[in-house]
Structure formats: structure tokens, C-alpha cells
Amino acid sequence: MTVFVDHLVLAASSLDTGIAHVEQLTGVEAVLGGAHPGLGTHNALVALGDDVYLEIIAPDPEQAEPAGGRPFGVHPDTTVDLVSFAVRPGADTTIDEVVAGSRSRGHDPGPIAAMSRHRPDGVELRWRLTMPPGAGGDLGIPFVIDWGNTPSPASTSPGGCQLLELRVAHPDAERIGAVHASLGLSVPVEEAARPSMEAVLTSPRGQVVLGGSAG
């Protein structure tokens, strides 16, 4: 079983703030993705390759904050930060098989939920995923997503950037590495004083690093 990085998640206090940050860093302006009904968030997207992308996620002013909080703990005072990433099943594999295999190897990615959103042009996107973490989620542990027959958002997002490398550092690197192994994921994990992630990208402004940390 093998999984692949599907997208990176960059949290921001607002979409305008997140879009401006990414454009200043890379020279590419993200396109609006859509709202996540019931979750209190909306997003904007930049392709990082043919089938991998960056999701900028922020509080949606059109929605009330959910009782359980927004995904990734985003709020109006959120600092722009790389907060998580998603992996997708390889060809001829389903999210159900990935989750079952990971559980058999000691890591439970959580329950699988079906979700959808509408793009600004009205097209509905549907996917299934293990629910992303809220505030305090363990940085460096990905969630799993399966787009099924829906094309990857990378195919309709602005290009110009490529993901070269994703790096994770954590005080308990062995545990995080074991979680990655349970999913069939190959992402370097280094020992460090506090959790962090870095994504190395090529962009119209050269090679850049998008980062995030916790703790």
C-alpha cells in the first residue's frame, strides 16, 4: 500500500491575508475554491504540480463558528502557517483500504466522512476523508482524502509552482515516522525541539520555503 501527498494546508486569519502571503512568496495568486458548509471555513487554491496543490483555509465570514470549532483550529487571529497535509490512496486503492491497513499497523486515522463543496462556477466537488484535526492536532500526521471520480483541484488551480520536498520535524520523530510508515508514506521526519513542517517549492520567484510550527 502506498499513498501520495495530495495537498498542503496553509491556515490564515482571512483568505485575503493567506492569498497575499502566498503571492508575495511565490508570485502566484491563488484562486477562490469555495466554502465548506457547516465547518465555518472557505478556501483558495494553488497547484503545486499535476495532482498536488496548496489549500489556503480561513474562517468564512458568511458562516457561524461551529460548536466544535473550525478544522485546524483556524480563527480570525490565526497566524499564516502550514498546519497540515493530506495524503491520497494510490491507483486501484481506496481510502477504506488505506485506513484499514493503517489501523492494522497501529495507527487509527479516524472515521471516514463524505464531504462536498461548490466551486465559484457552480461545479460541485465530492470527496471522502478522515476528518482533519482541530486545534492542537499533531503537526506532521496527515489526514487521508479520496477524490473518487472527482478531478483533483490541482487541475483547475493556478500553476507555476512545484512541490519539491516536504519535511517534518518533531520531538517524537520515531512515533511520527511510524505513523507515516503505517500509511505507506515516505516523508522525512527529523528529531527537533518542537513540531514543524516545511514545504520546498519552485516558483516564478525561485525556490521558496513555506513553513509552519507548533508548540
N, C-alpha and C. Protein backbone atom coordinates (compact mmCIF):
# COMPACT_ATOMS: atom_id res chain seq x y z
N MET A 1 0.84 -1.19 0.00
CA MET A 1 0.00 0.00 0.00
C MET A 1 0.88 1.25 0.00
N THR A 2 0.57 2.17 -0.89
CA THR A 2 1.31 3.43 -0.98
C THR A 2 0.33 4.57 -1.07
N VAL A 3 0.65 5.67 -0.39
CA VAL A 3 -0.15 6.88 -0.53
C VAL A 3 0.76 7.99 -1.04
N PHE A 4 0.13 9.06 -1.52
CA PHE A 4 0.88 10.19 -2.08
C PHE A 4 0.37 11.49 -1.46
N VAL A 5 1.25 12.46 -1.36
CA VAL A 5 0.82 13.76 -0.85
C VAL A 5 -0.20 14.35 -1.81
N ASP A 6 -1.37 14.70 -1.30
CA ASP A 6 -2.45 15.25 -2.12
C ASP A 6 -2.45 16.78 -2.06
N HIS A 7 -2.40 17.31 -0.84
CA HIS A 7 -2.33 18.77 -0.72
C HIS A 7 -1.80 19.19 0.64
N LEU A 8 -1.28 20.41 0.66
CA LEU A 8 -0.79 21.04 1.88
C LEU A 8 -1.85 22.02 2.35
N VAL A 9 -1.92 22.24 3.66
CA VAL A 9 -2.92 23.14 4.22
C VAL A 9 -2.23 24.31 4.91
N LEU A 10 -2.53 25.52 4.43
CA LEU A 10 -1.99 26.74 5.00
C LEU A 10 -3.13 27.51 5.66
N ALA A 11 -3.08 27.67 6.97
CA ALA A 11 -4.12 28.38 7.70
C ALA A 11 -3.83 29.87 7.71
N ALA A 12 -4.89 30.67 7.69
CA ALA A 12 -4.75 32.12 7.73
C ALA A 12 -5.95 32.73 8.44
N SER A 13 -5.80 33.98 8.89
CA SER A 13 -6.89 34.66 9.57
C SER A 13 -8.01 35.03 8.60
N SER A 14 -7.65 35.23 7.34
CA SER A 14 -8.64 35.51 6.29
C SER A 14 -8.06 35.04 4.97
N LEU A 15 -8.92 34.80 3.99
CA LEU A 15 -8.41 34.38 2.69
C LEU A 15 -7.57 35.47 2.05
N ASP A 16 -7.96 36.73 2.22
CA ASP A 16 -7.17 37.82 1.65
C ASP A 16 -5.75 37.80 2.19
N THR A 17 -5.61 37.57 3.49
CA THR A 17 -4.29 37.52 4.12
C THR A 17 -3.48 36.34 3.59
N GLY A 18 -4.10 35.16 3.52
CA GLY A 18 -3.40 33.97 3.04
C GLY A 18 -3.01 34.08 1.58
N ILE A 19 -3.92 34.61 0.75
CA ILE A 19 -3.64 34.75 -0.67
C ILE A 19 -2.48 35.73 -0.88
N ALA A 20 -2.50 36.84 -0.15
CA ALA A 20 -1.43 37.84 -0.28
C ALA A 20 -0.09 37.26 0.15
N HIS A 21 -0.09 36.46 1.22
CA HIS A 21 1.14 35.85 1.70
C HIS A 21 1.75 34.93 0.64
N VAL A 22 0.92 34.09 0.06
CA VAL A 22 1.42 33.13 -0.94
C VAL A 22 1.87 33.86 -2.20
N GLU A 23 1.13 34.88 -2.61
CA GLU A 23 1.51 35.62 -3.81
C GLU A 23 2.83 36.37 -3.59
N GLN A 24 3.01 36.95 -2.42
CA GLN A 24 4.27 37.65 -2.12
C GLN A 24 5.45 36.68 -2.14
N LEU A 25 5.23 35.47 -1.63
CA LEU A 25 6.30 34.48 -1.56
C LEU A 25 6.62 33.88 -2.92
N THR A 26 5.57 33.53 -3.69
CA THR A 26 5.76 32.74 -4.91
C THR A 26 5.54 33.50 -6.21
N GLY A 27 4.77 34.59 -6.15
CA GLY A 27 4.40 35.29 -7.36
C GLY A 27 3.16 34.73 -8.02
N VAL A 28 2.48 33.77 -7.37
CA VAL A 28 1.26 33.15 -7.92
C VAL A 28 0.08 33.52 -7.03
N GLU A 29 -1.00 33.99 -7.66
CA GLU A 29 -2.21 34.36 -6.91
C GLU A 29 -3.17 33.17 -6.87
N ALA A 30 -3.56 32.78 -5.68
CA ALA A 30 -4.48 31.65 -5.51
C ALA A 30 -5.87 32.00 -6.03
N VAL A 31 -6.60 31.00 -6.49
CA VAL A 31 -7.97 31.17 -6.95
C VAL A 31 -8.92 30.72 -5.84
N LEU A 32 -10.06 31.39 -5.73
CA LEU A 32 -11.03 31.00 -4.72
C LEU A 32 -11.55 29.59 -5.01
N GLY A 33 -11.63 28.78 -3.95
CA GLY A 33 -12.12 27.41 -4.10
C GLY A 33 -13.61 27.32 -3.79
N GLY A 34 -13.98 27.67 -2.57
CA GLY A 34 -15.37 27.60 -2.17
C GLY A 34 -15.49 27.44 -0.67
N ALA A 35 -16.72 27.42 -0.19
CA ALA A 35 -16.99 27.30 1.24
C ALA A 35 -17.15 25.83 1.63
N HIS A 36 -16.87 25.55 2.90
CA HIS A 36 -17.10 24.22 3.48
C HIS A 36 -18.34 24.34 4.38
N PRO A 37 -19.51 24.01 3.87
CA PRO A 37 -20.76 24.20 4.62
C PRO A 37 -20.74 23.45 5.96
N GLY A 38 -21.09 24.18 7.01
CA GLY A 38 -21.17 23.60 8.34
C GLY A 38 -19.85 23.56 9.09
N LEU A 39 -18.75 23.85 8.41
CA LEU A 39 -17.44 23.81 9.06
C LEU A 39 -16.90 25.20 9.37
N GLY A 40 -17.54 26.23 8.84
CA GLY A 40 -17.13 27.59 9.16
C GLY A 40 -15.89 28.07 8.43
N THR A 41 -15.51 27.41 7.35
CA THR A 41 -14.31 27.79 6.62
C THR A 41 -14.57 27.89 5.12
N HIS A 42 -13.65 28.55 4.43
CA HIS A 42 -13.61 28.53 2.97
C HIS A 42 -12.15 28.53 2.55
N ASN A 43 -11.89 28.33 1.25
CA ASN A 43 -10.50 28.14 0.85
C ASN A 43 -10.17 28.82 -0.47
N ALA A 44 -8.88 28.85 -0.74
CA ALA A 44 -8.33 29.28 -2.02
C ALA A 44 -7.18 28.34 -2.35
N LEU A 45 -6.88 28.17 -3.65
CA LEU A 45 -6.01 27.07 -4.07
C LEU A 45 -4.94 27.52 -5.06
N VAL A 46 -3.80 26.84 -4.97
CA VAL A 46 -2.69 26.99 -5.92
C VAL A 46 -2.18 25.60 -6.26
N ALA A 47 -2.02 25.29 -7.52
CA ALA A 47 -1.46 23.98 -7.91
C ALA A 47 0.03 23.94 -7.58
N LEU A 48 0.47 22.78 -7.11
CA LEU A 48 1.90 22.54 -6.84
C LEU A 48 2.41 21.39 -7.71
N GLY A 49 1.71 21.13 -8.80
CA GLY A 49 2.01 20.01 -9.69
C GLY A 49 0.72 19.56 -10.33
N ASP A 50 0.78 18.47 -11.09
CA ASP A 50 -0.41 17.98 -11.78
C ASP A 50 -1.47 17.44 -10.84
N ASP A 51 -1.05 16.89 -9.70
CA ASP A 51 -2.01 16.25 -8.80
C ASP A 51 -1.73 16.56 -7.33
N VAL A 52 -1.08 17.69 -7.06
CA VAL A 52 -0.85 18.14 -5.69
C VAL A 52 -1.06 19.65 -5.67
N TYR A 53 -1.60 20.15 -4.57
CA TYR A 53 -1.92 21.57 -4.52
C TYR A 53 -1.79 22.11 -3.10
N LEU A 54 -1.84 23.43 -3.00
CA LEU A 54 -1.84 24.12 -1.72
C LEU A 54 -3.24 24.65 -1.46
N GLU A 55 -3.78 24.33 -0.29
CA GLU A 55 -5.06 24.86 0.14
C GLU A 55 -4.84 25.93 1.20
N ILE A 56 -5.27 27.14 0.93
CA ILE A 56 -5.29 28.21 1.93
C ILE A 56 -6.67 28.15 2.57
N ILE A 57 -6.73 27.98 3.88
CA ILE A 57 -8.01 27.84 4.56
C ILE A 57 -8.13 28.93 5.63
N ALA A 58 -9.33 29.49 5.75
CA ALA A 58 -9.56 30.61 6.67
C ALA A 58 -11.01 30.60 7.14
N PRO A 59 -11.30 31.32 8.22
CA PRO A 59 -12.70 31.44 8.66
C PRO A 59 -13.55 32.07 7.56
N ASP A 60 -14.74 31.53 7.39
CA ASP A 60 -15.68 32.06 6.40
C ASP A 60 -16.61 33.04 7.11
N PRO A 61 -16.53 34.32 6.79
CA PRO A 61 -17.39 35.29 7.48
C PRO A 61 -18.88 35.09 7.22
N GLU A 62 -19.21 34.27 6.23
CA GLU A 62 -20.62 34.00 5.92
C GLU A 62 -21.20 32.89 6.81
N GLN A 63 -20.32 32.22 7.58
CA GLN A 63 -20.77 31.11 8.42
C GLN A 63 -20.43 31.38 9.89
N ALA A 64 -21.30 30.91 10.78
CA ALA A 64 -21.01 30.98 12.21
C ALA A 64 -19.94 29.94 12.55
N GLU A 65 -19.23 30.18 13.64
CA GLU A 65 -18.24 29.20 14.08
C GLU A 65 -18.97 27.95 14.59
N PRO A 66 -18.59 26.76 14.10
CA PRO A 66 -19.25 25.53 14.57
C PRO A 66 -19.00 25.30 16.06
N ALA A 67 -19.92 24.60 16.69
CA ALA A 67 -19.81 24.34 18.13
C ALA A 67 -18.50 23.63 18.47
N GLY A 68 -18.05 22.76 17.58
CA GLY A 68 -16.82 22.02 17.85
C GLY A 68 -15.57 22.71 17.36
N GLY A 69 -15.69 23.95 16.88
CA GLY A 69 -14.53 24.66 16.35
C GLY A 69 -14.31 24.35 14.88
N ARG A 70 -13.54 25.20 14.22
CA ARG A 70 -13.26 25.01 12.80
C ARG A 70 -12.11 24.02 12.61
N PRO A 71 -12.03 23.38 11.43
CA PRO A 71 -10.89 22.50 11.14
C PRO A 71 -9.57 23.24 11.32
N PHE A 72 -8.60 22.54 11.84
CA PHE A 72 -7.24 23.05 12.06
C PHE A 72 -7.21 24.19 13.08
N GLY A 73 -8.32 24.41 13.77
CA GLY A 73 -8.36 25.45 14.78
C GLY A 73 -8.26 26.85 14.22
N VAL A 74 -8.57 27.06 12.93
CA VAL A 74 -8.44 28.40 12.36
C VAL A 74 -9.44 29.36 13.01
N HIS A 75 -9.02 30.61 13.16
CA HIS A 75 -9.86 31.63 13.77
C HIS A 75 -9.41 32.99 13.25
N PRO A 76 -10.14 34.06 13.55
CA PRO A 76 -9.81 35.37 12.97
C PRO A 76 -8.43 35.92 13.35
N ASP A 77 -7.77 35.33 14.34
CA ASP A 77 -6.43 35.78 14.73
C ASP A 77 -5.34 34.78 14.33
N THR A 78 -5.69 33.81 13.51
CA THR A 78 -4.73 32.79 13.10
C THR A 78 -3.53 33.41 12.36
N THR A 79 -2.33 32.98 12.74
CA THR A 79 -1.12 33.37 12.02
C THR A 79 -1.00 32.50 10.77
N VAL A 80 -0.54 33.10 9.67
CA VAL A 80 -0.36 32.31 8.45
C VAL A 80 0.68 31.22 8.73
N ASP A 81 0.27 29.97 8.59
CA ASP A 81 1.13 28.85 8.98
C ASP A 81 0.73 27.60 8.19
N LEU A 82 1.73 26.80 7.85
CA LEU A 82 1.48 25.48 7.27
C LEU A 82 1.08 24.57 8.43
N VAL A 83 -0.17 24.09 8.43
CA VAL A 83 -0.69 23.40 9.61
C VAL A 83 -0.95 21.91 9.41
N SER A 84 -1.03 21.43 8.17
CA SER A 84 -1.31 20.02 7.97
C SER A 84 -1.09 19.66 6.51
N PHE A 85 -1.26 18.39 6.20
CA PHE A 85 -1.25 17.94 4.82
C PHE A 85 -2.11 16.70 4.69
N ALA A 86 -2.56 16.46 3.48
CA ALA A 86 -3.41 15.30 3.20
C ALA A 86 -2.69 14.36 2.26
N VAL A 87 -2.98 13.08 2.43
CA VAL A 87 -2.46 12.06 1.51
C VAL A 87 -3.64 11.36 0.85
N ARG A 88 -3.42 10.86 -0.34
CA ARG A 88 -4.47 10.16 -1.07
C ARG A 88 -4.00 8.75 -1.42
N PRO A 89 -4.95 7.83 -1.60
CA PRO A 89 -4.58 6.46 -1.97
C PRO A 89 -3.93 6.42 -3.35
N GLY A 90 -3.07 5.44 -3.55
CA GLY A 90 -2.51 5.20 -4.87
C GLY A 90 -3.56 4.59 -5.79
N ALA A 91 -3.16 4.36 -7.03
CA ALA A 91 -4.08 3.78 -8.01
C ALA A 91 -4.59 2.42 -7.54
N ASP A 92 -5.86 2.17 -7.83
CA ASP A 92 -6.51 0.90 -7.50
C ASP A 92 -6.56 0.64 -5.99
N THR A 93 -6.49 1.71 -5.18
CA THR A 93 -6.61 1.59 -3.73
C THR A 93 -7.66 2.59 -3.28
N THR A 94 -8.41 2.26 -2.24
CA THR A 94 -9.44 3.15 -1.73
C THR A 94 -9.04 3.68 -0.36
N ILE A 95 -9.72 4.72 0.06
CA ILE A 95 -9.46 5.26 1.39
C ILE A 95 -9.80 4.23 2.46
N ASP A 96 -10.80 3.40 2.19
CA ASP A 96 -11.16 2.36 3.16
C ASP A 96 -10.00 1.39 3.37
N GLU A 97 -9.33 1.01 2.28
CA GLU A 97 -8.20 0.09 2.38
C GLU A 97 -7.01 0.75 3.08
N VAL A 98 -6.78 2.04 2.79
CA VAL A 98 -5.68 2.75 3.45
C VAL A 98 -5.91 2.82 4.95
N VAL A 99 -7.13 3.20 5.34
CA VAL A 99 -7.45 3.32 6.76
C VAL A 99 -7.37 1.96 7.46
N ALA A 100 -7.94 0.93 6.83
CA ALA A 100 -7.88 -0.41 7.43
C ALA A 100 -6.45 -0.89 7.57
N GLY A 101 -5.63 -0.66 6.56
CA GLY A 101 -4.23 -1.08 6.62
C GLY A 101 -3.47 -0.34 7.69
N SER A 102 -3.72 0.96 7.81
CA SER A 102 -3.05 1.75 8.84
C SER A 102 -3.45 1.29 10.23
N ARG A 103 -4.73 1.02 10.41
CA ARG A 103 -5.19 0.53 11.73
C ARG A 103 -4.53 -0.79 12.09
N SER A 104 -4.36 -1.67 11.10
CA SER A 104 -3.73 -2.96 11.37
C SER A 104 -2.27 -2.81 11.77
N ARG A 105 -1.69 -1.66 11.43
CA ARG A 105 -0.30 -1.39 11.78
C ARG A 105 -0.16 -0.42 12.95
N GLY A 106 -1.26 -0.20 13.65
CA GLY A 106 -1.17 0.53 14.91
C GLY A 106 -1.56 2.00 14.91
N HIS A 107 -1.98 2.55 13.76
CA HIS A 107 -2.41 3.94 13.71
C HIS A 107 -3.82 4.04 13.19
N ASP A 108 -4.70 4.71 13.95
CA ASP A 108 -6.08 4.91 13.52
C ASP A 108 -6.23 6.32 12.96
N PRO A 109 -6.42 6.46 11.64
CA PRO A 109 -6.58 7.80 11.06
C PRO A 109 -7.91 8.45 11.40
N GLY A 110 -8.83 7.69 12.02
CA GLY A 110 -10.14 8.24 12.38
C GLY A 110 -11.22 7.81 11.41
N PRO A 111 -12.46 8.17 11.72
CA PRO A 111 -13.58 7.78 10.86
C PRO A 111 -13.54 8.50 9.52
N ILE A 112 -14.16 7.89 8.53
CA ILE A 112 -14.21 8.46 7.18
C ILE A 112 -15.55 9.18 7.01
N ALA A 113 -15.49 10.40 6.49
CA ALA A 113 -16.71 11.19 6.26
C ALA A 113 -16.78 11.60 4.80
N ALA A 114 -18.00 11.75 4.29
CA ALA A 114 -18.22 12.25 2.94
C ALA A 114 -18.46 13.75 3.01
N MET A 115 -17.82 14.50 2.10
CA MET A 115 -17.98 15.95 2.08
C MET A 115 -18.15 16.44 0.65
N SER A 116 -18.56 17.70 0.54
CA SER A 116 -18.70 18.31 -0.78
C SER A 116 -18.63 19.83 -0.63
N ARG A 117 -18.33 20.49 -1.72
CA ARG A 117 -18.41 21.96 -1.78
C ARG A 117 -18.65 22.35 -3.24
N HIS A 118 -19.09 23.58 -3.44
CA HIS A 118 -19.29 24.09 -4.78
C HIS A 118 -18.21 25.10 -5.12
N ARG A 119 -17.62 24.96 -6.30
CA ARG A 119 -16.69 25.95 -6.79
C ARG A 119 -17.45 27.23 -7.14
N PRO A 120 -16.76 28.36 -7.28
CA PRO A 120 -17.46 29.60 -7.66
C PRO A 120 -18.24 29.48 -8.97
N ASP A 121 -17.82 28.56 -9.87
CA ASP A 121 -18.55 28.39 -11.13
C ASP A 121 -19.75 27.45 -10.99
N GLY A 122 -20.03 27.00 -9.77
CA GLY A 122 -21.19 26.16 -9.52
C GLY A 122 -20.95 24.67 -9.56
N VAL A 123 -19.79 24.25 -10.03
CA VAL A 123 -19.48 22.81 -10.11
C VAL A 123 -19.34 22.26 -8.69
N GLU A 124 -20.00 21.14 -8.44
CA GLU A 124 -19.91 20.50 -7.13
C GLU A 124 -18.76 19.49 -7.10
N LEU A 125 -17.94 19.57 -6.06
CA LEU A 125 -16.86 18.61 -5.83
C LEU A 125 -17.26 17.72 -4.66
N ARG A 126 -17.00 16.43 -4.79
CA ARG A 126 -17.30 15.48 -3.73
C ARG A 126 -16.05 14.68 -3.39
N TRP A 127 -15.86 14.39 -2.13
CA TRP A 127 -14.71 13.60 -1.69
C TRP A 127 -15.02 12.92 -0.37
N ARG A 128 -14.17 12.00 0.01
CA ARG A 128 -14.24 11.35 1.32
C ARG A 128 -12.91 11.56 2.01
N LEU A 129 -12.96 11.72 3.34
CA LEU A 129 -11.72 11.97 4.06
C LEU A 129 -11.85 11.55 5.51
N THR A 130 -10.68 11.30 6.13
CA THR A 130 -10.65 11.17 7.58
C THR A 130 -10.61 12.60 8.10
N MET A 131 -11.41 12.91 9.07
CA MET A 131 -11.62 14.30 9.45
C MET A 131 -10.31 14.96 9.90
N PRO A 132 -10.00 16.14 9.34
CA PRO A 132 -8.79 16.86 9.72
C PRO A 132 -8.81 17.25 11.19
N PRO A 133 -7.64 17.52 11.76
CA PRO A 133 -7.58 17.86 13.18
C PRO A 133 -8.12 19.25 13.47
N GLY A 134 -8.59 19.45 14.69
CA GLY A 134 -8.93 20.78 15.16
C GLY A 134 -7.70 21.40 15.81
N ALA A 135 -7.92 22.37 16.65
CA ALA A 135 -6.81 22.99 17.36
C ALA A 135 -6.08 21.94 18.19
N GLY A 136 -4.77 21.97 18.16
CA GLY A 136 -3.99 21.01 18.94
C GLY A 136 -3.73 19.71 18.21
N GLY A 137 -4.12 19.63 16.93
CA GLY A 137 -3.83 18.43 16.14
C GLY A 137 -2.33 18.21 16.05
N ASP A 138 -1.92 16.96 15.93
CA ASP A 138 -0.49 16.64 15.95
C ASP A 138 0.15 16.99 14.62
N LEU A 139 0.91 18.08 14.58
CA LEU A 139 1.56 18.53 13.36
C LEU A 139 2.48 17.43 12.82
N GLY A 140 2.36 17.15 11.55
CA GLY A 140 3.19 16.12 10.92
C GLY A 140 2.44 14.84 10.64
N ILE A 141 1.26 14.67 11.25
CA ILE A 141 0.43 13.49 10.98
C ILE A 141 -0.64 13.90 9.96
N PRO A 142 -0.64 13.30 8.79
CA PRO A 142 -1.59 13.71 7.75
C PRO A 142 -2.98 13.11 7.95
N PHE A 143 -3.95 13.70 7.29
CA PHE A 143 -5.24 13.06 7.16
C PHE A 143 -5.31 12.45 5.76
N VAL A 144 -6.30 11.59 5.53
CA VAL A 144 -6.41 10.85 4.28
C VAL A 144 -7.62 11.36 3.50
N ILE A 145 -7.45 11.56 2.21
CA ILE A 145 -8.54 12.04 1.36
C ILE A 145 -8.62 11.18 0.10
N ASP A 146 -9.83 11.01 -0.41
CA ASP A 146 -10.04 10.22 -1.62
C ASP A 146 -11.05 10.97 -2.48
N TRP A 147 -10.59 11.41 -3.66
CA TRP A 147 -11.44 12.19 -4.55
C TRP A 147 -12.36 11.34 -5.41
N GLY A 148 -12.17 10.03 -5.40
CA GLY A 148 -13.03 9.17 -6.20
C GLY A 148 -12.98 9.56 -7.67
N ASN A 149 -14.14 9.86 -8.25
CA ASN A 149 -14.20 10.25 -9.66
C ASN A 149 -14.09 11.75 -9.88
N THR A 150 -13.94 12.52 -8.81
CA THR A 150 -13.80 13.96 -8.93
C THR A 150 -12.36 14.31 -9.29
N PRO A 151 -12.13 15.12 -10.31
CA PRO A 151 -10.75 15.51 -10.66
C PRO A 151 -10.09 16.28 -9.51
N SER A 152 -8.80 16.12 -9.37
CA SER A 152 -8.06 16.84 -8.34
C SER A 152 -8.21 18.34 -8.54
N PRO A 153 -8.41 19.11 -7.46
CA PRO A 153 -8.44 20.58 -7.59
C PRO A 153 -7.16 21.15 -8.19
N ALA A 154 -6.08 20.38 -8.15
CA ALA A 154 -4.83 20.85 -8.76
C ALA A 154 -5.02 21.12 -10.26
N SER A 155 -5.94 20.38 -10.88
CA SER A 155 -6.13 20.51 -12.32
C SER A 155 -6.83 21.80 -12.72
N THR A 156 -7.47 22.48 -11.76
CA THR A 156 -8.18 23.72 -12.08
C THR A 156 -7.65 24.91 -11.29
N SER A 157 -6.47 24.75 -10.68
CA SER A 157 -5.88 25.81 -9.86
C SER A 157 -4.71 26.45 -10.59
N PRO A 158 -4.38 27.72 -10.27
CA PRO A 158 -3.27 28.40 -10.94
C PRO A 158 -1.96 27.65 -10.78
N GLY A 159 -1.20 27.53 -11.88
CA GLY A 159 0.08 26.82 -11.86
C GLY A 159 1.25 27.77 -11.70
N GLY A 160 2.44 27.22 -11.91
CA GLY A 160 3.66 27.99 -11.79
C GLY A 160 4.56 27.54 -10.66
N CYS A 161 3.99 26.76 -9.72
CA CYS A 161 4.76 26.24 -8.58
C CYS A 161 4.83 24.72 -8.65
N GLN A 162 5.87 24.17 -8.07
CA GLN A 162 6.02 22.72 -7.95
C GLN A 162 6.50 22.39 -6.54
N LEU A 163 5.92 21.35 -5.95
CA LEU A 163 6.39 20.87 -4.66
C LEU A 163 7.63 20.01 -4.87
N LEU A 164 8.75 20.45 -4.33
CA LEU A 164 10.00 19.68 -4.44
C LEU A 164 10.17 18.71 -3.28
N GLU A 165 9.83 19.19 -2.08
CA GLU A 165 10.08 18.37 -0.90
C GLU A 165 9.20 18.82 0.25
N LEU A 166 8.72 17.87 1.03
CA LEU A 166 8.00 18.15 2.27
C LEU A 166 8.79 17.54 3.40
N ARG A 167 9.10 18.38 4.41
CA ARG A 167 9.90 17.91 5.55
C ARG A 167 9.12 18.11 6.84
N VAL A 168 9.25 17.14 7.75
CA VAL A 168 8.59 17.21 9.05
C VAL A 168 9.65 17.06 10.13
N ALA A 169 9.53 17.87 11.19
CA ALA A 169 10.39 17.73 12.36
C ALA A 169 9.49 17.62 13.59
N HIS A 170 9.91 16.82 14.58
CA HIS A 170 9.05 16.58 15.73
C HIS A 170 9.89 16.07 16.91
N PRO A 171 9.51 16.44 18.14
CA PRO A 171 10.23 15.91 19.31
C PRO A 171 10.14 14.39 19.42
N ASP A 172 9.06 13.82 18.90
CA ASP A 172 8.90 12.36 18.90
C ASP A 172 8.91 11.88 17.44
N ALA A 173 10.05 12.05 16.81
CA ALA A 173 10.19 11.72 15.39
C ALA A 173 9.92 10.23 15.13
N GLU A 174 10.29 9.39 16.06
CA GLU A 174 10.09 7.95 15.86
C GLU A 174 8.61 7.61 15.75
N ARG A 175 7.80 8.23 16.62
CA ARG A 175 6.36 7.96 16.57
C ARG A 175 5.74 8.50 15.28
N ILE A 176 6.10 9.72 14.90
CA ILE A 176 5.55 10.30 13.67
C ILE A 176 5.98 9.47 12.46
N GLY A 177 7.24 9.04 12.46
CA GLY A 177 7.72 8.19 11.37
C GLY A 177 6.96 6.87 11.29
N ALA A 178 6.60 6.31 12.46
CA ALA A 178 5.85 5.06 12.48
C ALA A 178 4.44 5.26 11.91
N VAL A 179 3.84 6.42 12.20
CA VAL A 179 2.52 6.74 11.63
C VAL A 179 2.62 6.82 10.12
N HIS A 180 3.65 7.51 9.63
CA HIS A 180 3.84 7.61 8.18
C HIS A 180 4.00 6.22 7.56
N ALA A 181 4.80 5.39 8.21
CA ALA A 181 5.03 4.03 7.69
C ALA A 181 3.73 3.24 7.66
N SER A 182 2.86 3.45 8.65
CA SER A 182 1.59 2.70 8.70
C SER A 182 0.69 3.07 7.52
N LEU A 183 0.89 4.28 6.99
CA LEU A 183 0.10 4.75 5.86
C LEU A 183 0.76 4.45 4.52
N GLY A 184 2.00 4.00 4.55
CA GLY A 184 2.74 3.79 3.31
C GLY A 184 3.29 5.08 2.75
N LEU A 185 3.59 6.03 3.63
CA LEU A 185 4.05 7.35 3.23
C LEU A 185 5.54 7.50 3.44
N SER A 186 6.20 8.15 2.51
CA SER A 186 7.64 8.40 2.63
C SER A 186 7.89 9.90 2.67
N VAL A 187 7.92 10.47 3.87
CA VAL A 187 8.24 11.88 4.10
C VAL A 187 9.28 11.92 5.22
N PRO A 188 10.40 12.61 5.00
CA PRO A 188 11.43 12.66 6.04
C PRO A 188 10.90 13.26 7.35
N VAL A 189 11.26 12.64 8.48
CA VAL A 189 10.89 13.15 9.79
C VAL A 189 12.17 13.24 10.63
N GLU A 190 12.49 14.44 11.09
CA GLU A 190 13.69 14.67 11.88
C GLU A 190 13.34 14.97 13.33
N GLU A 191 14.27 14.65 14.23
CA GLU A 191 14.10 14.99 15.63
C GLU A 191 14.32 16.49 15.80
N ALA A 192 13.45 17.13 16.59
CA ALA A 192 13.57 18.57 16.81
C ALA A 192 12.92 18.93 18.14
N ALA A 193 13.23 20.12 18.63
CA ALA A 193 12.70 20.55 19.92
C ALA A 193 11.20 20.77 19.89
N ARG A 194 10.67 21.17 18.73
CA ARG A 194 9.23 21.36 18.62
C ARG A 194 8.76 20.96 17.23
N PRO A 195 7.46 20.65 17.08
CA PRO A 195 6.96 20.20 15.78
C PRO A 195 7.02 21.31 14.73
N SER A 196 7.37 20.94 13.51
CA SER A 196 7.37 21.90 12.41
C SER A 196 7.25 21.16 11.08
N MET A 197 6.83 21.89 10.05
CA MET A 197 6.78 21.38 8.69
C MET A 197 7.32 22.43 7.75
N GLU A 198 7.98 21.98 6.71
CA GLU A 198 8.46 22.87 5.67
C GLU A 198 8.18 22.25 4.31
N ALA A 199 7.68 23.07 3.41
CA ALA A 199 7.47 22.65 2.03
C ALA A 199 8.41 23.47 1.14
N VAL A 200 9.26 22.79 0.41
CA VAL A 200 10.17 23.46 -0.52
C VAL A 200 9.52 23.48 -1.89
N LEU A 201 9.37 24.67 -2.45
CA LEU A 201 8.67 24.84 -3.73
C LEU A 201 9.56 25.54 -4.74
N THR A 202 9.37 25.20 -6.02
CA THR A 202 9.87 26.07 -7.07
C THR A 202 8.71 27.00 -7.44
N SER A 203 9.06 28.23 -7.84
CA SER A 203 8.02 29.21 -8.13
C SER A 203 8.56 30.23 -9.12
N PRO A 204 7.72 31.10 -9.65
CA PRO A 204 8.21 32.16 -10.53
C PRO A 204 9.23 33.06 -9.84
N ARG A 205 9.28 33.03 -8.51
CA ARG A 205 10.26 33.83 -7.78
C ARG A 205 11.41 32.98 -7.25
N GLY A 206 11.60 31.82 -7.87
CA GLY A 206 12.70 30.96 -7.49
C GLY A 206 12.28 29.92 -6.46
N GLN A 207 13.24 29.30 -5.83
CA GLN A 207 12.95 28.29 -4.81
C GLN A 207 12.59 28.97 -3.50
N VAL A 208 11.47 28.58 -2.93
CA VAL A 208 10.99 29.20 -1.70
C VAL A 208 10.60 28.12 -0.71
N VAL A 209 10.49 28.51 0.55
CA VAL A 209 10.12 27.58 1.61
C VAL A 209 8.88 28.10 2.31
N LEU A 210 7.87 27.26 2.38
CA LEU A 210 6.63 27.56 3.09
C LEU A 210 6.65 26.75 4.37
N GLY A 211 6.50 27.40 5.52
CA GLY A 211 6.69 26.67 6.76
C GLY A 211 5.57 26.86 7.76
N GLY A 212 5.66 26.06 8.82
CA GLY A 212 4.72 26.15 9.93
C GLY A 212 5.30 25.44 11.12
N SER A 213 4.89 25.85 12.32
CA SER A 213 5.39 25.22 13.54
C SER A 213 4.33 25.26 14.60
N ALA A 214 4.53 24.49 15.65
CA ALA A 214 3.59 24.43 16.77
C ALA A 214 4.37 24.26 18.06
N GLY A 215 3.73 24.61 19.15
CA GLY A 215 4.34 24.38 20.45
C GLY A 215 5.31 25.48 20.85
